[in-house]
Amino acid sequence: MASNPMQRKARNSFLLGVFITMIIAAIVIAFLLYMMYKQKTENEEIENDKITVYVLIKDVESGTNVATKTEKGGILTKELATVEVTRKAAPETAITASNYSNVITENSLFKIDLKSGTILSTDMIVESSDKTQDDTREQEFNMIVLPSQLKEDDYVDIRLRLPSGQDYIVVSKKKILKADEITMWIKLTEDEILTLSNAIVEAYQIDGTLLYATTYVEPGIQQAASVTYIPTREVSQLINNNPNVVQTAKDELAKRYNNATLLSGRNDIINPAVMATGEEAQSNVATGTATAIEAQKQTREDYVKELETKQATTTTTTTTK
């Protein structure tokens, strides 16, 4: 049966509408699929472009150790955390998971003051010259005049100033492990122990001599000062004959003894000052040593009392729980 022209026209319009709708839907679906593919590709590119970097989680000062060595020999970084960023967001010299072990050691220091959230880079790190050697030992001294604001992790030179005004660097750039009112703890090598011991004796012998410590302002940036103090010939021979002293230290001492300017300070200023004191020098040494021993005993007693107090507090807390 022939269809009504109006019906045929309506049917054709409907089919045309369906066809156009399908085309539009296909275009929309194709566009959505394209955008999803593009987004996925961009996400993959971003993920592939990401690197793991180290970021500070708190403010640090110049000269602070970046890491500490654990009992098992590993390296622990308390001030750092790892985050993922794009390569564009990280500096070219950023410390990453891949180069971390080659850059960070137990002797690494922050070169400058840094704020929390900073991405760490290799140009912010410097290696400390205070490396642990086989003959390194922790020493405590209470006969050295300390700066009024000295604190743990500061770096100091220990200097000897004579009554005549001459001033010598005895030990250079040492990290303060701990300090109280009169005592400081530092690490010294065998040759430094002997050299400083010589300077302590001569500080006692020569009335008006000052053995004191000076603090570095920016230890991460500042290089260690050159040692200008030469010990006596007897102590120098002891250092050279001591099997515990590394060869580099012996070579350094020999270089100082061959320096005419430094040697003249020893022969023309320090030696005559010691000789001029005569028998009084020995008395000064005995008095100074006795005073140092008593001060060290008192420091030890205070430390033991502190430990006992902490232990008693811990015991009380445990019992209460």
C-alpha atoms as a PDB file:
ATOM      1  CA  MET A   1       0.000   0.000   0.000  1.00  0.00           C
ATOM      2  CA  ALA A   2       1.387   3.380  -1.010  1.00  0.00           C
ATOM      3  CA  SER A   3       2.478   5.455   1.894  1.00  0.00           C
ATOM      4  CA  ASN A   4       1.172   8.860   2.579  1.00  0.00           C
ATOM      5  CA  PRO A   5       3.600  11.552   1.316  1.00  0.00           C
ATOM      6  CA  MET A   6       3.440  13.252   4.708  1.00  0.00           C
ATOM      7  CA  GLN A   7       4.264   9.982   6.447  1.00  0.00           C
ATOM      8  CA  ARG A   8       7.135   9.317   4.030  1.00  0.00           C
ATOM      9  CA  LYS A   9       8.486  12.803   4.610  1.00  0.00           C
ATOM     10  CA  ALA A  10       8.233  12.357   8.363  1.00  0.00           C
ATOM     11  CA  ARG A  11       9.956   8.967   8.200  1.00  0.00           C
ATOM     12  CA  ASN A  12      12.799  10.375   6.081  1.00  0.00           C
ATOM     13  CA  SER A  13      13.220  13.295   8.476  1.00  0.00           C
ATOM     14  CA  PHE A  14      13.362  10.856  11.395  1.00  0.00           C
ATOM     15  CA  LEU A  15      15.957   8.668   9.683  1.00  0.00           C
ATOM     16  CA  LEU A  16      17.982  11.734   8.777  1.00  0.00           C
ATOM     17  CA  GLY A  17      17.838  12.920  12.376  1.00  0.00           C
ATOM     18  CA  VAL A  18      18.937   9.496  13.630  1.00  0.00           C
ATOM     19  CA  PHE A  19      21.775   9.465  11.103  1.00  0.00           C
ATOM     20  CA  ILE A  20      22.922  12.959  12.079  1.00  0.00           C
ATOM     21  CA  THR A  21      22.661  12.035  15.775  1.00  0.00           C
ATOM     22  CA  MET A  22      24.784   8.926  15.191  1.00  0.00           C
ATOM     23  CA  ILE A  23      27.379  10.985  13.347  1.00  0.00           C
ATOM     24  CA  ILE A  24      27.495  13.554  16.156  1.00  0.00           C
ATOM     25  CA  ALA A  25      27.670  10.790  18.776  1.00  0.00           C
ATOM     26  CA  ALA A  26      30.484   9.125  16.834  1.00  0.00           C
ATOM     27  CA  ILE A  27      32.372  12.424  16.662  1.00  0.00           C
ATOM     28  CA  VAL A  28      31.861  13.038  20.386  1.00  0.00           C
ATOM     29  CA  ILE A  29      32.956   9.489  21.261  1.00  0.00           C
ATOM     30  CA  ALA A  30      35.965   9.784  18.962  1.00  0.00           C
ATOM     31  CA  PHE A  31      36.848  13.143  20.556  1.00  0.00           C
ATOM     32  CA  LEU A  32      36.488  11.707  24.053  1.00  0.00           C
ATOM     33  CA  LEU A  33      38.592   8.687  23.152  1.00  0.00           C
ATOM     34  CA  TYR A  34      41.220  11.005  21.669  1.00  0.00           C
ATOM     35  CA  MET A  35      41.251  13.195  24.797  1.00  0.00           C
ATOM     36  CA  MET A  36      41.498  10.108  27.032  1.00  0.00           C
ATOM     37  CA  TYR A  37      44.388   8.786  24.923  1.00  0.00           C
ATOM     38  CA  LYS A  38      46.079  12.181  24.978  1.00  0.00           C
ATOM     39  CA  GLN A  39      45.643  12.468  28.751  1.00  0.00           C
ATOM     40  CA  LYS A  40      46.973   8.960  29.257  1.00  0.00           C
ATOM     41  CA  THR A  41      49.985   9.702  27.061  1.00  0.00           C
ATOM     42  CA  GLU A  42      50.683  12.943  28.920  1.00  0.00           C
ATOM     43  CA  ASN A  43      50.381  11.165  32.282  1.00  0.00           C
ATOM     44  CA  GLU A  44      52.773   8.477  31.110  1.00  0.00           C
ATOM     45  CA  GLU A  45      55.206  11.112  29.903  1.00  0.00           C
ATOM     46  CA  ILE A  46      54.966  12.918  33.241  1.00  0.00           C
ATOM     47  CA  GLU A  47      55.496   9.681  35.166  1.00  0.00           C
ATOM     48  CA  ASN A  48      58.435   8.742  32.970  1.00  0.00           C
ATOM     49  CA  ASP A  49      59.865  12.242  33.436  1.00  0.00           C
ATOM     50  CA  LYS A  50      59.663  12.112  37.241  1.00  0.00           C
ATOM     51  CA  ILE A  51      62.721  11.650  39.424  1.00  0.00           C
ATOM     52  CA  THR A  52      63.091  11.029  43.144  1.00  0.00           C
ATOM     53  CA  VAL A  53      64.897  13.904  44.856  1.00  0.00           C
ATOM     54  CA  TYR A  54      65.812  14.745  48.452  1.00  0.00           C
ATOM     55  CA  VAL A  55      64.051  17.632  50.195  1.00  0.00           C
ATOM     56  CA  LEU A  56      64.771  19.248  53.557  1.00  0.00           C
ATOM     57  CA  ILE A  57      62.049  18.704  56.140  1.00  0.00           C
ATOM     58  CA  LYS A  58      63.401  21.354  58.520  1.00  0.00           C
ATOM     59  CA  ASP A  59      65.680  24.405  58.480  1.00  0.00           C
ATOM     60  CA  VAL A  60      69.416  23.667  58.736  1.00  0.00           C
ATOM     61  CA  GLU A  61      72.472  25.796  59.430  1.00  0.00           C
ATOM     62  CA  SER A  62      75.723  25.974  57.532  1.00  0.00           C
ATOM     63  CA  GLY A  63      78.188  23.352  58.744  1.00  0.00           C
ATOM     64  CA  THR A  64      75.532  20.904  59.994  1.00  0.00           C
ATOM     65  CA  ASN A  65      76.151  17.261  59.165  1.00  0.00           C
ATOM     66  CA  VAL A  66      73.902  15.996  56.371  1.00  0.00           C
ATOM     67  CA  ALA A  67      73.980  12.415  57.623  1.00  0.00           C
ATOM     68  CA  THR A  68      75.184  10.220  60.449  1.00  0.00           C
ATOM     69  CA  LYS A  69      76.603   6.737  60.342  1.00  0.00           C
ATOM     70  CA  THR A  70      74.443   4.011  61.873  1.00  0.00           C
ATOM     71  CA  GLU A  71      75.710   1.115  63.977  1.00  0.00           C
ATOM     72  CA  LYS A  72      75.305  -1.209  60.997  1.00  0.00           C
ATOM     73  CA  GLY A  73      77.435   1.031  58.792  1.00  0.00           C
ATOM     74  CA  GLY A  74      74.588   2.672  56.883  1.00  0.00           C
ATOM     75  CA  ILE A  75      73.997   6.390  56.393  1.00  0.00           C
ATOM     76  CA  LEU A  76      71.018   8.001  58.145  1.00  0.00           C
ATOM     77  CA  THR A  77      69.605  11.372  57.043  1.00  0.00           C
ATOM     78  CA  LYS A  78      67.202  12.784  59.642  1.00  0.00           C
ATOM     79  CA  GLU A  79      66.662  16.175  57.976  1.00  0.00           C
ATOM     80  CA  LEU A  80      65.813  14.780  54.516  1.00  0.00           C
ATOM     81  CA  ALA A  81      62.808  13.165  52.850  1.00  0.00           C
ATOM     82  CA  THR A  82      62.326  11.849  49.316  1.00  0.00           C
ATOM     83  CA  VAL A  83      59.725  13.258  46.933  1.00  0.00           C
ATOM     84  CA  GLU A  84      58.949  12.755  43.259  1.00  0.00           C
ATOM     85  CA  VAL A  85      59.128  15.797  40.973  1.00  0.00           C
ATOM     86  CA  THR A  86      59.425  16.369  37.227  1.00  0.00           C
ATOM     87  CA  ARG A  87      62.889  16.891  35.822  1.00  0.00           C
ATOM     88  CA  LYS A  88      61.956  20.470  34.917  1.00  0.00           C
ATOM     89  CA  ALA A  89      61.087  21.238  38.543  1.00  0.00           C
ATOM     90  CA  ALA A  90      64.404  19.899  39.887  1.00  0.00           C
ATOM     91  CA  PRO A  91      67.773  21.645  39.506  1.00  0.00           C
ATOM     92  CA  GLU A  92      70.278  19.976  37.189  1.00  0.00           C
ATOM     93  CA  THR A  93      72.544  19.235  40.165  1.00  0.00           C
ATOM     94  CA  ALA A  94      69.755  17.771  42.321  1.00  0.00           C
ATOM     95  CA  ILE A  95      70.677  14.882  44.595  1.00  0.00           C
ATOM     96  CA  THR A  96      68.572  11.940  43.424  1.00  0.00           C
ATOM     97  CA  ALA A  97      68.034   8.357  44.481  1.00  0.00           C
ATOM     98  CA  SER A  98      70.528   7.281  41.827  1.00  0.00           C
ATOM     99  CA  ASN A  99      73.444   9.530  42.880  1.00  0.00           C
ATOM    100  CA  TYR A 100      72.713   9.792  46.619  1.00  0.00           C
ATOM    101  CA  SER A 101      75.217   7.138  47.740  1.00  0.00           C
ATOM    102  CA  ASN A 102      77.964   8.782  45.691  1.00  0.00           C
ATOM    103  CA  VAL A 103      77.331  12.240  47.129  1.00  0.00           C
ATOM    104  CA  ILE A 104      76.250  11.839  50.765  1.00  0.00           C
ATOM    105  CA  THR A 105      78.717  10.425  53.304  1.00  0.00           C
ATOM    106  CA  GLU A 106      79.088  10.662  57.069  1.00  0.00           C
ATOM    107  CA  ASN A 107      81.464  13.611  56.460  1.00  0.00           C
ATOM    108  CA  SER A 108      79.037  15.633  54.297  1.00  0.00           C
ATOM    109  CA  LEU A 109      78.080  19.105  55.545  1.00  0.00           C
ATOM    110  CA  PHE A 110      75.489  21.651  54.479  1.00  0.00           C
ATOM    111  CA  LYS A 111      77.498  24.423  52.843  1.00  0.00           C
ATOM    112  CA  ILE A 112      74.970  27.198  53.559  1.00  0.00           C
ATOM    113  CA  ASP A 113      71.886  27.909  55.682  1.00  0.00           C
ATOM    114  CA  LEU A 114      68.847  26.265  54.039  1.00  0.00           C
ATOM    115  CA  LYS A 115      65.099  26.423  54.563  1.00  0.00           C
ATOM    116  CA  SER A 116      62.664  23.540  54.920  1.00  0.00           C
ATOM    117  CA  GLY A 117      61.272  22.401  51.557  1.00  0.00           C
ATOM    118  CA  THR A 118      64.481  23.080  49.634  1.00  0.00           C
ATOM    119  CA  ILE A 119      65.421  20.471  47.026  1.00  0.00           C
ATOM    120  CA  LEU A 120      68.959  19.458  47.878  1.00  0.00           C
ATOM    121  CA  SER A 121      71.619  19.773  45.173  1.00  0.00           C
ATOM    122  CA  THR A 122      75.287  18.819  45.037  1.00  0.00           C
ATOM    123  CA  ASP A 123      76.436  22.463  45.179  1.00  0.00           C
ATOM    124  CA  MET A 124      74.816  22.763  48.635  1.00  0.00           C
ATOM    125  CA  ILE A 125      77.025  19.985  50.045  1.00  0.00           C
ATOM    126  CA  VAL A 126      80.680  20.004  51.010  1.00  0.00           C
ATOM    127  CA  GLU A 127      82.898  17.276  52.432  1.00  0.00           C
ATOM    128  CA  SER A 128      84.289  17.903  55.885  1.00  0.00           C
ATOM    129  CA  SER A 129      88.056  17.727  56.328  1.00  0.00           C
ATOM    130  CA  ASP A 130      87.400  16.183  59.742  1.00  0.00           C
ATOM    131  CA  LYS A 131      87.308  12.613  58.428  1.00  0.00           C
ATOM    132  CA  THR A 132      87.578   9.672  60.780  1.00  0.00           C
ATOM    133  CA  GLN A 133      90.942   7.928  60.530  1.00  0.00           C
ATOM    134  CA  ASP A 134      92.282   4.852  62.279  1.00  0.00           C
ATOM    135  CA  ASP A 135      94.049   6.996  64.888  1.00  0.00           C
ATOM    136  CA  THR A 136      91.079   9.313  65.550  1.00  0.00           C
ATOM    137  CA  ARG A 137      89.955   9.440  69.168  1.00  0.00           C
ATOM    138  CA  GLU A 138      87.370  11.437  71.082  1.00  0.00           C
ATOM    139  CA  GLN A 139      89.029  13.781  73.581  1.00  0.00           C
ATOM    140  CA  GLU A 140      87.685  16.104  76.246  1.00  0.00           C
ATOM    141  CA  PHE A 141      89.389  19.285  77.419  1.00  0.00           C
ATOM    142  CA  ASN A 142      88.571  21.646  80.259  1.00  0.00           C
ATOM    143  CA  MET A 143      91.700  23.821  80.209  1.00  0.00           C
ATOM    144  CA  ILE A 144      90.776  25.605  76.978  1.00  0.00           C
ATOM    145  CA  VAL A 145      88.885  28.908  77.205  1.00  0.00           C
ATOM    146  CA  LEU A 146      85.593  28.441  75.343  1.00  0.00           C
ATOM    147  CA  PRO A 147      83.510  31.042  73.472  1.00  0.00           C
ATOM    148  CA  SER A 148      80.532  32.149  75.560  1.00  0.00           C
ATOM    149  CA  GLN A 149      78.026  30.955  72.918  1.00  0.00           C
ATOM    150  CA  LEU A 150      79.748  27.701  71.938  1.00  0.00           C
ATOM    151  CA  LYS A 151      77.317  24.882  71.194  1.00  0.00           C
ATOM    152  CA  GLU A 152      77.230  21.358  69.819  1.00  0.00           C
ATOM    153  CA  ASP A 153      78.058  21.025  66.088  1.00  0.00           C
ATOM    154  CA  ASP A 154      80.033  24.298  65.995  1.00  0.00           C
ATOM    155  CA  TYR A 155      83.497  24.192  64.392  1.00  0.00           C
ATOM    156  CA  VAL A 156      86.492  25.731  66.138  1.00  0.00           C
ATOM    157  CA  ASP A 157      90.198  26.429  65.882  1.00  0.00           C
ATOM    158  CA  ILE A 158      92.223  26.017  69.068  1.00  0.00           C
ATOM    159  CA  ARG A 159      94.775  28.815  69.400  1.00  0.00           C
ATOM    160  CA  LEU A 160      97.678  29.678  71.700  1.00  0.00           C
ATOM    161  CA  ARG A 161      98.249  33.373  72.451  1.00  0.00           C
ATOM    162  CA  LEU A 162     101.476  34.400  74.185  1.00  0.00           C
ATOM    163  CA  PRO A 163     101.852  37.406  76.516  1.00  0.00           C
ATOM    164  CA  SER A 164     103.843  39.123  73.765  1.00  0.00           C
ATOM    165  CA  GLY A 165     100.792  39.044  71.475  1.00  0.00           C
ATOM    166  CA  GLN A 166     101.924  36.282  69.113  1.00  0.00           C
ATOM    167  CA  ASP A 167      98.994  34.002  68.292  1.00  0.00           C
ATOM    168  CA  TYR A 168      99.336  30.456  66.919  1.00  0.00           C
ATOM    169  CA  ILE A 169      96.779  28.016  65.526  1.00  0.00           C
ATOM    170  CA  VAL A 170      97.359  24.686  67.291  1.00  0.00           C
ATOM    171  CA  VAL A 171      94.454  22.610  65.932  1.00  0.00           C
ATOM    172  CA  SER A 172      92.297  23.623  63.002  1.00  0.00           C
ATOM    173  CA  LYS A 173      88.549  23.306  62.314  1.00  0.00           C
ATOM    174  CA  LYS A 174      87.307  20.709  64.774  1.00  0.00           C
ATOM    175  CA  LYS A 175      83.643  19.890  65.301  1.00  0.00           C
ATOM    176  CA  ILE A 176      82.257  20.269  68.806  1.00  0.00           C
ATOM    177  CA  LEU A 177      80.684  16.944  69.736  1.00  0.00           C
ATOM    178  CA  LYS A 178      79.472  18.263  73.074  1.00  0.00           C
ATOM    179  CA  ALA A 179      80.180  21.209  75.350  1.00  0.00           C
ATOM    180  CA  ASP A 180      79.270  22.395  78.816  1.00  0.00           C
ATOM    181  CA  GLU A 181      80.406  25.405  80.843  1.00  0.00           C
ATOM    182  CA  ILE A 182      84.109  24.500  80.922  1.00  0.00           C
ATOM    183  CA  THR A 183      84.557  21.273  78.933  1.00  0.00           C
ATOM    184  CA  MET A 184      84.397  20.472  75.234  1.00  0.00           C
ATOM    185  CA  TRP A 185      84.566  17.159  73.417  1.00  0.00           C
ATOM    186  CA  ILE A 186      86.246  16.903  69.990  1.00  0.00           C
ATOM    187  CA  LYS A 187      87.820  14.246  67.772  1.00  0.00           C
ATOM    188  CA  LEU A 188      91.585  14.388  67.282  1.00  0.00           C
ATOM    189  CA  THR A 189      94.134  12.276  65.462  1.00  0.00           C
ATOM    190  CA  GLU A 190      97.230  10.995  67.253  1.00  0.00           C
ATOM    191  CA  ASP A 191      99.501  13.780  65.979  1.00  0.00           C
ATOM    192  CA  GLU A 192      96.908  16.420  66.952  1.00  0.00           C
ATOM    193  CA  ILE A 193      96.624  14.937  70.460  1.00  0.00           C
ATOM    194  CA  LEU A 194     100.384  15.162  70.963  1.00  0.00           C
ATOM    195  CA  THR A 195     100.601  18.661  69.466  1.00  0.00           C
ATOM    196  CA  LEU A 196      97.748  19.992  71.587  1.00  0.00           C
ATOM    197  CA  SER A 197      99.187  18.353  74.696  1.00  0.00           C
ATOM    198  CA  ASN A 198     102.442  20.218  74.010  1.00  0.00           C
ATOM    199  CA  ALA A 199     100.543  23.487  73.671  1.00  0.00           C
ATOM    200  CA  ILE A 200      98.652  22.837  76.933  1.00  0.00           C
ATOM    201  CA  VAL A 201     101.911  22.300  78.831  1.00  0.00           C
ATOM    202  CA  GLU A 202     103.422  25.480  77.388  1.00  0.00           C
ATOM    203  CA  ALA A 203     100.240  27.404  78.203  1.00  0.00           C
ATOM    204  CA  TYR A 204     100.752  26.357  81.832  1.00  0.00           C
ATOM    205  CA  GLN A 205     104.476  27.129  81.751  1.00  0.00           C
ATOM    206  CA  ILE A 206     104.297  30.653  80.345  1.00  0.00           C
ATOM    207  CA  ASP A 207     102.427  32.978  82.678  1.00  0.00           C
ATOM    208  CA  GLY A 208      99.876  35.141  80.858  1.00  0.00           C
ATOM    209  CA  THR A 209      99.408  32.674  77.972  1.00  0.00           C
ATOM    210  CA  LEU A 210      95.888  31.976  76.736  1.00  0.00           C
ATOM    211  CA  LEU A 211      94.799  28.692  75.155  1.00  0.00           C
ATOM    212  CA  TYR A 212      91.392  29.348  73.622  1.00  0.00           C
ATOM    213  CA  ALA A 213      88.897  28.286  70.951  1.00  0.00           C
ATOM    214  CA  THR A 214      87.453  30.439  68.163  1.00  0.00           C
ATOM    215  CA  THR A 215      84.286  29.583  66.235  1.00  0.00           C
ATOM    216  CA  TYR A 216      83.884  29.449  62.455  1.00  0.00           C
ATOM    217  CA  VAL A 217      81.137  31.723  61.100  1.00  0.00           C
ATOM    218  CA  GLU A 218      80.180  29.633  58.025  1.00  0.00           C
ATOM    219  CA  PRO A 219      81.907  26.267  58.480  1.00  0.00           C
ATOM    220  CA  GLY A 220      80.259  24.816  55.389  1.00  0.00           C
ATOM    221  CA  ILE A 221      81.975  27.410  53.214  1.00  0.00           C
ATOM    222  CA  GLN A 222      85.113  28.350  55.133  1.00  0.00           C
ATOM    223  CA  GLN A 223      88.201  26.216  54.601  1.00  0.00           C
ATOM    224  CA  ALA A 224      90.197  24.961  57.581  1.00  0.00           C
ATOM    225  CA  ALA A 225      92.866  27.418  58.721  1.00  0.00           C
ATOM    226  CA  SER A 226      96.518  26.437  58.339  1.00  0.00           C
ATOM    227  CA  VAL A 227      98.136  25.252  61.556  1.00  0.00           C
ATOM    228  CA  THR A 228     100.950  27.635  62.566  1.00  0.00           C
ATOM    229  CA  TYR A 229     102.020  26.128  65.903  1.00  0.00           C
ATOM    230  CA  ILE A 230     105.078  23.869  65.945  1.00  0.00           C
ATOM    231  CA  PRO A 231     105.560  21.596  68.985  1.00  0.00           C
ATOM    232  CA  THR A 232     108.941  21.127  70.637  1.00  0.00           C
ATOM    233  CA  ARG A 233     111.658  19.110  68.952  1.00  0.00           C
ATOM    234  CA  GLU A 234     111.069  16.278  71.440  1.00  0.00           C
ATOM    235  CA  VAL A 235     107.339  16.086  70.725  1.00  0.00           C
ATOM    236  CA  SER A 236     107.962  16.319  66.976  1.00  0.00           C
ATOM    237  CA  GLN A 237     110.333  13.370  67.191  1.00  0.00           C
ATOM    238  CA  LEU A 238     107.709  11.481  69.193  1.00  0.00           C
ATOM    239  CA  ILE A 239     105.158  12.143  66.445  1.00  0.00           C
ATOM    240  CA  ASN A 240     107.558  11.034  63.710  1.00  0.00           C
ATOM    241  CA  ASN A 241     108.445   7.830  65.582  1.00  0.00           C
ATOM    242  CA  ASN A 242     104.853   7.015  66.595  1.00  0.00           C
ATOM    243  CA  PRO A 243     103.462   4.142  64.466  1.00  0.00           C
ATOM    244  CA  ASN A 244      99.911   5.334  65.184  1.00  0.00           C
ATOM    245  CA  VAL A 245     100.466   8.630  63.361  1.00  0.00           C
ATOM    246  CA  VAL A 246      99.598   8.474  59.669  1.00  0.00           C
ATOM    247  CA  GLN A 247     102.302   9.419  57.179  1.00  0.00           C
ATOM    248  CA  THR A 248     100.420  12.438  55.852  1.00  0.00           C
ATOM    249  CA  ALA A 249     100.480  13.988  59.334  1.00  0.00           C
ATOM    250  CA  LYS A 250     104.222  13.347  59.634  1.00  0.00           C
ATOM    251  CA  ASP A 251     104.770  14.963  56.259  1.00  0.00           C
ATOM    252  CA  GLU A 252     102.717  17.988  57.291  1.00  0.00           C
ATOM    253  CA  LEU A 253     104.738  18.427  60.488  1.00  0.00           C
ATOM    254  CA  ALA A 254     107.993  18.111  58.541  1.00  0.00           C
ATOM    255  CA  LYS A 255     106.737  20.800  56.144  1.00  0.00           C
ATOM    256  CA  ARG A 256     106.049  23.118  59.070  1.00  0.00           C
ATOM    257  CA  TYR A 257     109.502  22.508  60.539  1.00  0.00           C
ATOM    258  CA  ASN A 258     111.036  23.387  57.192  1.00  0.00           C
ATOM    259  CA  ASN A 259     109.085  26.647  57.085  1.00  0.00           C
ATOM    260  CA  ALA A 260     111.579  29.273  58.248  1.00  0.00           C
ATOM    261  CA  THR A 261     108.872  31.704  59.394  1.00  0.00           C
ATOM    262  CA  LEU A 262     107.038  29.147  61.550  1.00  0.00           C
ATOM    263  CA  LEU A 263     110.272  27.713  62.937  1.00  0.00           C
ATOM    264  CA  SER A 264     111.524  31.165  63.929  1.00  0.00           C
ATOM    265  CA  GLY A 265     108.361  31.591  65.983  1.00  0.00           C
ATOM    266  CA  ARG A 266     109.238  28.398  67.829  1.00  0.00           C
ATOM    267  CA  ASN A 267     112.930  29.199  68.342  1.00  0.00           C
ATOM    268  CA  ASP A 268     112.798  32.957  68.812  1.00  0.00           C
ATOM    269  CA  ILE A 269     109.578  33.406  70.780  1.00  0.00           C
ATOM    270  CA  ILE A 270     108.110  30.279  72.378  1.00  0.00           C
ATOM    271  CA  ASN A 271     111.323  28.542  73.491  1.00  0.00           C
ATOM    272  CA  PRO A 272     112.794  31.672  75.159  1.00  0.00           C
ATOM    273  CA  ALA A 273     109.461  32.332  76.888  1.00  0.00           C
ATOM    274  CA  VAL A 274     109.471  28.798  78.325  1.00  0.00           C
ATOM    275  CA  MET A 275     113.127  29.017  79.366  1.00  0.00           C
ATOM    276  CA  ALA A 276     112.566  32.357  81.092  1.00  0.00           C
ATOM    277  CA  THR A 277     110.044  30.874  83.483  1.00  0.00           C
ATOM    278  CA  GLY A 278     112.633  28.535  85.024  1.00  0.00           C
ATOM    279  CA  GLU A 279     111.497  26.397  87.952  1.00  0.00           C
ATOM    280  CA  GLU A 280     108.231  28.315  88.117  1.00  0.00           C
ATOM    281  CA  ALA A 281     107.190  26.633  84.855  1.00  0.00           C
ATOM    282  CA  GLN A 282     107.096  23.184  86.427  1.00  0.00           C
ATOM    283  CA  SER A 283     105.040  24.493  89.314  1.00  0.00           C
ATOM    284  CA  ASN A 284     102.605  26.127  86.889  1.00  0.00           C
ATOM    285  CA  VAL A 285     102.244  22.840  84.980  1.00  0.00           C
ATOM    286  CA  ALA A 286     101.606  20.901  88.173  1.00  0.00           C
ATOM    287  CA  THR A 287      99.028  23.424  89.402  1.00  0.00           C
ATOM    288  CA  GLY A 288      97.279  23.650  86.048  1.00  0.00           C
ATOM    289  CA  THR A 289      97.155  19.885  85.617  1.00  0.00           C
ATOM    290  CA  ALA A 290      95.743  19.387  89.117  1.00  0.00           C
ATOM    291  CA  THR A 291      93.063  22.004  88.440  1.00  0.00           C
ATOM    292  CA  ALA A 292      92.144  20.340  85.128  1.00  0.00           C
ATOM    293  CA  ILE A 293      91.927  16.923  86.792  1.00  0.00           C
ATOM    294  CA  GLU A 294      89.612  18.248  89.509  1.00  0.00           C
ATOM    295  CA  ALA A 295      87.423  19.963  86.917  1.00  0.00           C
ATOM    296  CA  GLN A 296      87.235  16.758  84.902  1.00  0.00           C
ATOM    297  CA  LYS A 297      86.300  14.777  88.018  1.00  0.00           C
ATOM    298  CA  GLN A 298      83.512  17.250  88.774  1.00  0.00           C
ATOM    299  CA  THR A 299      82.228  17.034  85.206  1.00  0.00           C
ATOM    300  CA  ARG A 300      82.235  13.252  85.455  1.00  0.00           C
ATOM    301  CA  GLU A 301      80.356  13.324  88.772  1.00  0.00           C
ATOM    302  CA  ASP A 302      77.711  15.652  87.310  1.00  0.00           C
ATOM    303  CA  TYR A 303      77.334  13.357  84.294  1.00  0.00           C
ATOM    304  CA  VAL A 304      76.914  10.228  86.447  1.00  0.00           C
ATOM    305  CA  LYS A 305      74.315  12.010  88.617  1.00  0.00           C
ATOM    306  CA  GLU A 306      72.452  13.029  85.462  1.00  0.00           C
ATOM    307  CA  LEU A 307      72.418   9.413  84.255  1.00  0.00           C
ATOM    308  CA  GLU A 308      71.226   8.163  87.631  1.00  0.00           C
ATOM    309  CA  THR A 309      68.421  10.751  87.663  1.00  0.00           C
ATOM    310  CA  LYS A 310      67.296   9.747  84.165  1.00  0.00           C
ATOM    311  CA  GLN A 311      67.416   6.058  85.093  1.00  0.00           C
ATOM    312  CA  ALA A 312      65.383   6.647  88.258  1.00  0.00           C
ATOM    313  CA  THR A 313      62.803   8.658  86.291  1.00  0.00           C
ATOM    314  CA  THR A 314      62.531   5.896  83.687  1.00  0.00           C
ATOM    315  CA  THR A 315      62.102   3.247  86.367  1.00  0.00           C
ATOM    316  CA  THR A 316      59.383   5.275  88.124  1.00  0.00           C
ATOM    317  CA  THR A 317      57.511   5.831  84.856  1.00  0.00           C
ATOM    318  CA  THR A 318      57.681   2.128  83.978  1.00  0.00           C
ATOM    319  CA  THR A 319      56.440   1.089  87.426  1.00  0.00           C
ATOM    320  CA  THR A 320      53.547   3.566  87.241  1.00  0.00           C
ATOM    321  CA  LYS A 321      52.435   2.141  83.898  1.00  0.00           C
END
